[in-house]
C-alpha atoms as a PDB file:
ATOM      1  CA  VAL A   1       0.066  -0.006   0.109  1.00  0.00           C
ATOM      2  CA  TRP A   2       1.388   3.430  -0.883  1.00  0.00           C
ATOM      3  CA  ALA A   3       0.745   6.638   0.681  1.00  0.00           C
ATOM      4  CA  ALA A   4      -0.839   8.625  -2.354  1.00  0.00           C
ATOM      5  CA  THR A   5      -0.014  12.336  -1.123  1.00  0.00           C
ATOM      6  CA  ARG A   6       3.605  11.349  -0.209  1.00  0.00           C
ATOM      7  CA  ALA A   7       4.099   8.702  -3.307  1.00  0.00           C
ATOM      8  CA  GLN A   8       5.807   6.374  -0.554  1.00  0.00           C
ATOM      9  CA  PRO A   9       5.121   2.842   0.492  1.00  0.00           C
ATOM     10  CA  VAL A  10       3.475   2.688   4.053  1.00  0.00           C
ATOM     11  CA  HIS A  11       4.767  -0.917   4.377  1.00  0.00           C
ATOM     12  CA  ALA A  12       1.352  -2.529   4.328  1.00  0.00           C
ATOM     13  CA  ILE A  13       1.360  -5.631   2.196  1.00  0.00           C
ATOM     14  CA  LEU A  14      -2.137  -7.273   1.715  1.00  0.00           C
ATOM     15  CA  THR A  15      -1.495 -10.870   2.032  1.00  0.00           C
ATOM     16  CA  GLY A  16      -4.236 -13.469   1.510  1.00  0.00           C
ATOM     17  CA  HIS A  17      -5.629 -13.535  -2.060  1.00  0.00           C
ATOM     18  CA  THR A  18      -4.529 -17.045  -3.643  1.00  0.00           C
ATOM     19  CA  ASP A  19      -4.613 -15.518  -7.174  1.00  0.00           C
ATOM     20  CA  TRP A  20      -4.072 -12.345  -8.907  1.00  0.00           C
ATOM     21  CA  VAL A  21      -5.485  -8.869  -7.355  1.00  0.00           C
ATOM     22  CA  ASN A  22      -7.380  -7.238 -10.040  1.00  0.00           C
ATOM     23  CA  ALA A  23      -8.327  -3.978  -8.008  1.00  0.00           C
ATOM     24  CA  VAL A  24      -7.946  -2.121  -4.679  1.00  0.00           C
ATOM     25  CA  ALA A  25     -10.073   0.706  -3.170  1.00  0.00           C
ATOM     26  CA  ALA A  26      -9.809   2.804  -0.358  1.00  0.00           C
ATOM     27  CA  VAL A  27     -12.038   5.042   1.770  1.00  0.00           C
ATOM     28  CA  PRO A  28     -11.425   7.486   4.576  1.00  0.00           C
ATOM     29  CA  LEU A  29     -13.862   6.981   7.227  1.00  0.00           C
ATOM     30  CA  ALA A  30     -15.189   9.686   9.567  1.00  0.00           C
ATOM     31  CA  ASP A  31     -13.345   8.498  12.643  1.00  0.00           C
ATOM     32  CA  GLY A  32     -10.068   8.837  10.975  1.00  0.00           C
ATOM     33  CA  ARG A  33      -9.247   5.176   9.981  1.00  0.00           C
ATOM     34  CA  THR A  34      -9.049   4.096   6.419  1.00  0.00           C
ATOM     35  CA  LEU A  35     -10.850   1.083   5.167  1.00  0.00           C
ATOM     36  CA  LEU A  36      -9.340  -0.985   1.986  1.00  0.00           C
ATOM     37  CA  ALA A  37     -11.267  -3.603  -0.152  1.00  0.00           C
ATOM     38  CA  SER A  38      -9.232  -5.769  -2.656  1.00  0.00           C
ATOM     39  CA  ALA A  39     -10.820  -7.873  -5.627  1.00  0.00           C
ATOM     40  CA  GLY A  40      -9.429 -11.058  -6.534  1.00  0.00           C
ATOM     41  CA  ALA A  41      -9.154 -13.392  -9.312  1.00  0.00           C
ATOM     42  CA  ASP A  42      -9.488 -16.141  -6.388  1.00  0.00           C
ATOM     43  CA  ARG A  43     -13.310 -15.107  -6.527  1.00  0.00           C
ATOM     44  CA  THR A  44     -13.162 -13.273  -3.311  1.00  0.00           C
ATOM     45  CA  VAL A  45     -13.205  -9.498  -1.950  1.00  0.00           C
ATOM     46  CA  ARG A  46     -11.153  -8.967   1.151  1.00  0.00           C
ATOM     47  CA  LEU A  47     -11.576  -6.077   3.546  1.00  0.00           C
ATOM     48  CA  TRP A  48      -8.354  -4.588   5.347  1.00  0.00           C
ATOM     49  CA  ASP A  49      -7.340  -1.673   7.684  1.00  0.00           C
ATOM     50  CA  ALA A  50      -4.650   0.472   6.327  1.00  0.00           C
ATOM     51  CA  ALA A  51      -1.842  -1.445   8.024  1.00  0.00           C
ATOM     52  CA  GLY A  52      -2.886  -4.565   5.946  1.00  0.00           C
ATOM     53  CA  LYS A  53      -4.653  -6.401   8.607  1.00  0.00           C
ATOM     54  CA  PRO A  54      -7.670  -8.416   7.378  1.00  0.00           C
ATOM     55  CA  ILE A  55     -10.947  -7.435   8.532  1.00  0.00           C
ATOM     56  CA  GLY A  56     -13.540 -10.442   8.560  1.00  0.00           C
ATOM     57  CA  GLU A  57     -13.455 -13.341   6.411  1.00  0.00           C
ATOM     58  CA  PRO A  58     -13.155 -13.052   2.625  1.00  0.00           C
ATOM     59  CA  ARG A  59     -16.226 -12.558   0.846  1.00  0.00           C
ATOM     60  CA  PRO A  60     -16.875 -15.318  -1.885  1.00  0.00           C
ATOM     61  CA  TYR A  61     -18.314 -14.739  -5.429  1.00  0.00           C
ATOM     62  CA  LEU A  62     -19.120 -17.017  -8.196  1.00  0.00           C
ATOM     63  CA  THR A  63     -16.540 -15.780 -10.795  1.00  0.00           C
ATOM     64  CA  ASP A  64     -13.230 -13.556 -10.766  1.00  0.00           C
ATOM     65  CA  VAL A  65     -13.978 -10.296  -9.034  1.00  0.00           C
ATOM     66  CA  TYR A  66     -12.980  -7.307 -11.527  1.00  0.00           C
ATOM     67  CA  SER A  67     -13.243  -4.104  -9.411  1.00  0.00           C
ATOM     68  CA  VAL A  68     -14.367  -2.608  -6.132  1.00  0.00           C
ATOM     69  CA  ALA A  69     -15.424   0.873  -5.128  1.00  0.00           C
ATOM     70  CA  PHE A  70     -16.545   2.404  -1.967  1.00  0.00           C
ATOM     71  CA  ASP A  71     -19.422   5.179  -1.630  1.00  0.00           C
ATOM     72  CA  PRO A  72     -17.848   8.307   0.066  1.00  0.00           C
ATOM     73  CA  SER A  73     -19.237   7.247   3.516  1.00  0.00           C
ATOM     74  CA  GLY A  74     -17.483   3.968   3.198  1.00  0.00           C
ATOM     75  CA  LYS A  75     -21.188   2.311   4.050  1.00  0.00           C
ATOM     76  CA  ARG A  76     -21.546   0.793   0.675  1.00  0.00           C
ATOM     77  CA  LEU A  77     -19.255  -1.462  -1.213  1.00  0.00           C
ATOM     78  CA  LEU A  78     -19.849  -1.884  -5.001  1.00  0.00           C
ATOM     79  CA  VAL A  79     -18.273  -5.115  -6.412  1.00  0.00           C
ATOM     80  CA  SER A  80     -18.187  -5.944 -10.028  1.00  0.00           C
ATOM     81  CA  TYR A  81     -18.125  -9.639 -11.076  1.00  0.00           C
ATOM     82  CA  TYR A  82     -19.168 -11.515 -14.288  1.00  0.00           C
ATOM     83  CA  THR A  83     -22.073  -9.464 -15.933  1.00  0.00           C
ATOM     84  CA  GLU A  84     -23.086  -7.912 -12.414  1.00  0.00           C
ATOM     85  CA  ILE A  85     -22.293  -5.118 -10.099  1.00  0.00           C
ATOM     86  CA  ALA A  86     -23.472  -5.968  -6.418  1.00  0.00           C
ATOM     87  CA  VAL A  87     -24.291  -3.003  -4.184  1.00  0.00           C
ATOM     88  CA  THR A  88     -23.277  -4.381  -0.733  1.00  0.00           C
ATOM     89  CA  ASP A  89     -23.161  -3.181   2.887  1.00  0.00           C
ATOM     90  CA  ALA A  90     -19.535  -2.633   3.521  1.00  0.00           C
ATOM     91  CA  GLU A  91     -19.518  -3.693   7.109  1.00  0.00           C
ATOM     92  CA  THR A  92     -21.818  -6.909   6.819  1.00  0.00           C
ATOM     93  CA  GLY A  93     -21.239  -7.808   3.006  1.00  0.00           C
ATOM     94  CA  ARG A  94     -25.205  -8.186   2.510  1.00  0.00           C
ATOM     95  CA  GLU A  95     -26.249  -7.579  -1.087  1.00  0.00           C
ATOM     96  CA  LEU A  96     -28.434  -4.410  -1.180  1.00  0.00           C
ATOM     97  CA  ALA A  97     -28.926  -4.059  -4.800  1.00  0.00           C
ATOM     98  CA  ARG A  98     -27.543  -5.623  -8.046  1.00  0.00           C
ATOM     99  CA  ILE A  99     -27.053  -4.073 -11.579  1.00  0.00           C
ATOM    100  CA  ASP A 100     -26.893  -6.070 -14.567  1.00  0.00           C
ATOM    101  CA  THR A 101     -23.984  -4.800 -16.924  1.00  0.00           C
ATOM    102  CA  CYS A 102     -25.714  -6.595 -19.868  1.00  0.00           C
ATOM    103  CA  ARG A 103     -22.918  -7.929 -21.762  1.00  0.00           C
ATOM    104  CA  GLY A 104     -20.371  -8.818 -19.035  1.00  0.00           C
ATOM    105  CA  GLY A 105     -16.621  -8.533 -19.424  1.00  0.00           C
ATOM    106  CA  ARG A 106     -14.245  -6.737 -17.025  1.00  0.00           C
ATOM    107  CA  THR A 107     -16.123  -3.970 -15.420  1.00  0.00           C
ATOM    108  CA  GLN A 108     -14.256  -1.029 -13.980  1.00  0.00           C
ATOM    109  CA  LEU A 109     -16.159   1.118 -11.310  1.00  0.00           C
ATOM    110  CA  ALA A 110     -16.229   4.688 -10.140  1.00  0.00           C
ATOM    111  CA  MET A 111     -18.380   6.448  -7.513  1.00  0.00           C
ATOM    112  CA  SER A 112     -19.610  10.058  -7.775  1.00  0.00           C
ATOM    113  CA  ALA A 113     -18.114  12.477  -5.009  1.00  0.00           C
ATOM    114  CA  ASP A 114     -21.718  12.657  -3.520  1.00  0.00           C
ATOM    115  CA  GLY A 115     -22.081   8.908  -3.590  1.00  0.00           C
ATOM    116  CA  ARG A 116     -25.282   8.957  -5.710  1.00  0.00           C
ATOM    117  CA  ARG A 117     -23.856   8.103  -9.030  1.00  0.00           C
ATOM    118  CA  LEU A 118     -21.886   5.111 -10.201  1.00  0.00           C
ATOM    119  CA  GLY A 119     -19.875   4.966 -13.518  1.00  0.00           C
ATOM    120  CA  PHE A 120     -18.847   1.807 -14.914  1.00  0.00           C
ATOM    121  CA  ALA A 121     -17.079   0.741 -18.179  1.00  0.00           C
ATOM    122  CA  THR A 122     -16.682  -2.654 -19.554  1.00  0.00           C
ATOM    123  CA  ASP A 123     -14.275  -4.516 -22.134  1.00  0.00           C
ATOM    124  CA  ASP A 124     -17.015  -4.494 -24.674  1.00  0.00           C
ATOM    125  CA  GLY A 125     -17.152  -0.646 -24.889  1.00  0.00           C
ATOM    126  CA  THR A 126     -20.296  -0.316 -22.815  1.00  0.00           C
ATOM    127  CA  VAL A 127     -20.037   3.202 -20.704  1.00  0.00           C
ATOM    128  CA  LYS A 128     -22.948   3.883 -18.019  1.00  0.00           C
ATOM    129  CA  VAL A 129     -23.893   6.167 -15.461  1.00  0.00           C
ATOM    130  CA  TRP A 130     -26.312   4.621 -12.962  1.00  0.00           C
ATOM    131  CA  ASP A 131     -28.368   6.242 -10.229  1.00  0.00           C
ATOM    132  CA  LEU A 132     -27.923   4.304  -7.040  1.00  0.00           C
ATOM    133  CA  GLU A 133     -30.705   6.042  -5.100  1.00  0.00           C
ATOM    134  CA  ASN A 134     -33.351   5.371  -7.762  1.00  0.00           C
ATOM    135  CA  ASP A 135     -31.758   2.315  -9.492  1.00  0.00           C
ATOM    136  CA  GLU A 136     -31.799   4.082 -12.903  1.00  0.00           C
ATOM    137  CA  ASP A 137     -29.632   3.980 -15.932  1.00  0.00           C
ATOM    138  CA  LEU A 138     -28.781   7.741 -16.330  1.00  0.00           C
ATOM    139  CA  THR A 139     -26.718   7.077 -19.672  1.00  0.00           C
ATOM    140  CA  ARG A 140     -29.305   8.816 -21.731  1.00  0.00           C
ATOM    141  CA  LEU A 141     -28.399  12.122 -20.185  1.00  0.00           C
ATOM    142  CA  VAL A 142     -25.553  13.543 -22.149  1.00  0.00           C
ATOM    143  CA  GLU A 143     -24.143  15.593 -19.120  1.00  0.00           C
ATOM    144  CA  ASP A 144     -23.914  12.485 -16.933  1.00  0.00           C
ATOM    145  CA  VAL A 145     -21.783  10.638 -19.559  1.00  0.00           C
ATOM    146  CA  ARG A 146     -19.597  13.739 -19.992  1.00  0.00           C
ATOM    147  CA  THR A 147     -18.604  13.558 -16.445  1.00  0.00           C
ATOM    148  CA  LEU A 148     -16.924   9.988 -16.908  1.00  0.00           C
ATOM    149  CA  LEU A 149     -13.205   9.589 -18.158  1.00  0.00           C
ATOM    150  CA  VAL A 150     -12.452   6.349 -19.297  1.00  0.00           C
ATOM    151  CA  GLN A 151      -8.968   5.251 -19.877  1.00  0.00           C
ATOM    152  CA  ARG A 152      -8.421   2.377 -22.254  1.00  0.00           C
ATOM    153  CA  GLY A 153      -5.377   0.120 -22.421  1.00  0.00           C
ATOM    154  CA  VAL A 154      -4.273  -3.070 -24.639  1.00  0.00           C
ATOM    155  CA  ASN A 155      -7.154  -4.574 -26.579  1.00  0.00           C
ATOM    156  CA  ASP A 156      -9.085  -1.594 -25.686  1.00  0.00           C
ATOM    157  CA  GLN A 157     -10.054  -2.885 -22.189  1.00  0.00           C
ATOM    158  CA  ALA A 158     -11.347  -0.418 -19.609  1.00  0.00           C
ATOM    159  CA  LEU A 159      -8.519   0.397 -17.199  1.00  0.00           C
ATOM    160  CA  VAL A 160      -9.410   3.195 -15.331  1.00  0.00           C
ATOM    161  CA  VAL A 161     -12.883   5.010 -14.945  1.00  0.00           C
ATOM    162  CA  GLU A 162     -13.371   8.301 -12.746  1.00  0.00           C
ATOM    163  CA  PHE A 163     -15.817  11.066 -12.558  1.00  0.00           C
ATOM    164  CA  VAL A 164     -14.493  14.464 -13.390  1.00  0.00           C
ATOM    165  CA  LEU A 165     -16.472  17.668 -13.247  1.00  0.00           C
ATOM    166  CA  PRO A 166     -17.786  18.778 -16.483  1.00  0.00           C
ATOM    167  CA  ASN A 167     -15.612  22.045 -16.613  1.00  0.00           C
ATOM    168  CA  GLU A 168     -12.458  20.131 -15.781  1.00  0.00           C
ATOM    169  CA  LEU A 169     -13.297  17.688 -18.765  1.00  0.00           C
ATOM    170  CA  LEU A 170     -13.990  20.839 -21.007  1.00  0.00           C
ATOM    171  CA  SER A 171     -10.735  22.320 -20.117  1.00  0.00           C
ATOM    172  CA  GLN A 172      -8.743  19.078 -20.905  1.00  0.00           C
ATOM    173  CA  ALA A 173     -10.458  19.062 -24.412  1.00  0.00           C
ATOM    174  CA  VAL A 174      -9.513  22.539 -25.095  1.00  0.00           C
ATOM    175  CA  GLU A 175      -5.750  21.925 -24.187  1.00  0.00           C
ATOM    176  CA  GLN A 176      -5.665  19.012 -26.719  1.00  0.00           C
END
């Protein structure tokens, strides 16, 4: 684990997955702690404290887990696997909702700063914005789609998805 603000390792090693780790997400909690989640090709999600100590038992899934994302409060953990995204209670792992990504493939996730919207992109080129409060696809609204930045890699796989403010996106486009 690296301290992003200092670009230095904090010497926490997340040991426990039995196969590749596909993604790691972190969220600062109101009490000052940081919660981490990791998504594995071993079909599990694992929670950790910032020192790399496991929290609870591994959470099993039916297929490889591709990506994880916390809402800003740390109360919900979103998990992408197979053709679905599970919205779970971060503390208990209980599934609160499920979003069908339609075609499947590796799905990368990003939460909006207010925790109300989820952005995701799949290997097949699907990019969507989802309203988590109303369980509704917002992709048809152009301004919502413009708030997503998707970086693609080898074979056009979605590598990174993040929300950006529309004015930031506009200034990036003008500079190019």
